[in-house]
Amino acid sequence: QVQLVESGGRLVQAGGSLRLSCAASGRTISSYVVGWFRQAPGKERDFVARITWSGTSKYYADSVKGRFTISRDNAKNTVYLQMNSLKPEDTAVYYCAAVRAFAGPPAVPGSYDYWGQGTQVTVSS
């Protein structure tokens, strides 16, 4: 059991950068696989990135590959999403999610057991 809280979302100009944080409590984040998802109003929740326990294996959606970087600092019990070259279409509520060992596909929301409340990212032109 782990609680997740996202932070760092705000209004940013297109082409700019943001770093989102996912702080965990209740359990150490090192024992969890963590993913980032995003959801625009009226749309489904889409996969963004995933990182494994050690942080050595990372997986990104094609839409963000080369622009976004997922990382983790287990000592701080935090996972980060560095977002560069932001576009208006990146506007969404961003969620972090966690699961221990799982067999499901990492890009599917149903594969994760724990979710944060989300943080709003708005990219202006």
Protein backbone atom coordinates (compact mmCIF):
# COMPACT_ATOMS: atom_id res chain seq x y z
CA GLN A 1 0.00 0.00 0.00
CA VAL A 2 1.38 3.37 -1.04
CA GLN A 3 0.01 6.91 -1.29
CA LEU A 4 1.07 9.09 -4.21
CA VAL A 5 0.98 12.88 -4.52
CA GLU A 6 1.85 14.69 -7.75
CA SER A 7 3.13 18.25 -7.85
CA GLY A 8 4.80 20.70 -10.21
CA GLY A 9 2.04 21.24 -12.75
CA ARG A 10 1.40 24.81 -13.88
CA LEU A 11 0.92 27.06 -16.88
CA VAL A 12 3.93 27.08 -19.20
CA GLN A 13 4.67 28.55 -22.62
CA ALA A 14 5.02 26.24 -25.61
CA GLY A 15 8.62 25.13 -25.97
CA GLY A 16 9.23 25.45 -22.26
CA SER A 17 9.96 22.86 -19.62
CA LEU A 18 8.43 21.51 -16.42
CA ARG A 19 9.41 18.88 -13.91
CA LEU A 20 6.64 16.95 -12.23
CA SER A 21 7.19 15.11 -8.97
CA CYS A 22 5.44 12.05 -7.57
CA ALA A 23 6.05 11.75 -3.85
CA ALA A 24 5.23 8.46 -2.18
CA SER A 25 4.32 7.73 1.42
CA GLY A 26 3.21 4.71 3.38
CA ARG A 27 5.71 2.49 1.59
CA THR A 28 9.08 2.98 -0.02
CA ILE A 29 8.76 3.71 -3.70
CA SER A 30 11.73 1.49 -4.47
CA SER A 31 9.51 -1.59 -4.32
CA TYR A 32 7.12 -0.28 -6.98
CA VAL A 33 7.05 0.12 -10.71
CA VAL A 34 5.84 3.66 -11.40
CA GLY A 35 4.13 5.06 -14.46
CA TRP A 36 2.97 8.48 -15.58
CA PHE A 37 -0.35 8.96 -17.36
CA ARG A 38 -2.24 12.01 -18.55
CA GLN A 39 -5.87 12.81 -19.21
CA ALA A 40 -7.41 15.74 -21.05
CA PRO A 41 -11.03 16.75 -20.30
CA GLY A 42 -13.50 14.34 -21.87
CA LYS A 43 -10.77 11.98 -23.04
CA GLU A 44 -9.34 8.69 -21.87
CA ARG A 45 -6.30 8.38 -19.67
CA ASP A 46 -3.21 7.89 -21.83
CA PHE A 47 0.15 6.40 -21.02
CA VAL A 48 3.19 8.67 -20.86
CA ALA A 49 6.14 6.84 -19.31
CA ARG A 50 7.11 3.98 -16.99
CA ILE A 51 10.13 3.20 -14.83
CA THR A 52 11.07 -0.03 -13.07
CA TRP A 53 12.32 -0.53 -9.50
CA SER A 54 15.99 0.12 -10.20
CA GLY A 55 15.35 2.88 -12.69
CA THR A 56 17.43 1.15 -15.32
CA SER A 57 14.47 0.22 -17.53
CA LYS A 58 12.37 3.05 -18.95
CA TYR A 59 9.54 3.02 -21.46
CA TYR A 60 7.92 5.99 -23.18
CA ALA A 61 4.92 6.70 -25.33
CA ASP A 62 5.92 7.61 -28.87
CA SER A 63 4.31 11.02 -28.49
CA VAL A 64 6.74 12.06 -25.75
CA LYS A 65 9.86 10.05 -26.55
CA GLY A 66 12.85 12.35 -26.86
CA ARG A 67 11.08 15.18 -25.04
CA PHE A 68 10.14 13.66 -21.67
CA THR A 69 12.39 11.83 -19.21
CA ILE A 70 11.24 9.70 -16.30
CA SER A 71 13.58 9.18 -13.36
CA ARG A 72 13.46 8.17 -9.73
CA ASP A 73 15.26 8.97 -6.52
CA ASN A 74 14.49 6.12 -4.17
CA ALA A 75 16.28 7.84 -1.29
CA LYS A 76 13.76 10.68 -1.58
CA ASN A 77 10.87 8.31 -2.27
CA THR A 78 10.09 10.32 -5.38
CA VAL A 79 9.65 9.75 -9.10
CA TYR A 80 10.07 12.61 -11.56
CA LEU A 81 8.87 13.45 -15.03
CA GLN A 82 11.04 16.01 -16.79
CA MET A 83 9.10 17.54 -19.68
CA ASN A 84 10.93 19.55 -22.33
CA SER A 85 9.83 21.14 -25.60
CA LEU A 86 6.26 21.25 -24.38
CA LYS A 87 3.43 21.55 -26.87
CA PRO A 88 -0.18 22.70 -26.41
CA GLU A 89 -1.31 19.11 -26.99
CA ASP A 90 0.57 18.13 -23.83
CA THR A 91 -2.07 19.99 -21.81
CA ALA A 92 -3.70 17.53 -19.42
CA VAL A 93 -3.96 16.40 -15.84
CA TYR A 94 -0.91 14.26 -15.17
CA TYR A 95 -1.14 11.27 -12.83
CA CYS A 96 1.47 8.98 -11.38
CA ALA A 97 0.60 5.37 -10.71
CA ALA A 98 2.32 2.50 -8.96
CA VAL A 99 2.23 -1.26 -8.82
CA ARG A 100 4.43 -3.90 -7.29
CA ALA A 101 5.09 -6.93 -9.48
CA PHE A 102 2.59 -7.22 -12.30
CA ALA A 103 2.10 -9.19 -15.49
CA GLY A 104 -0.05 -6.67 -17.31
CA PRO A 105 1.18 -4.33 -20.04
CA PRO A 106 2.87 -1.24 -18.57
CA ALA A 107 1.07 1.23 -20.84
CA VAL A 108 -2.42 0.22 -19.68
CA PRO A 109 -3.94 2.08 -16.69
CA GLY A 110 -5.53 -1.12 -15.37
CA SER A 111 -2.09 -2.58 -14.75
CA TYR A 112 -1.53 -0.17 -11.84
CA ASP A 113 -3.01 -0.43 -8.35
CA TYR A 114 -2.32 2.99 -6.82
CA TRP A 115 -2.92 6.47 -8.23
CA GLY A 116 -2.26 10.04 -7.22
CA GLN A 117 -4.80 12.86 -7.45
CA GLY A 118 -3.22 14.46 -10.50
CA THR A 119 -1.56 17.78 -11.27
CA GLN A 120 -2.67 20.16 -14.02
CA VAL A 121 -0.27 21.03 -16.82
CA THR A 122 -1.35 23.75 -19.24
CA VAL A 123 0.79 24.65 -22.24
CA SER A 124 0.00 27.91 -24.01
CA SER A 125 0.96 28.81 -27.57
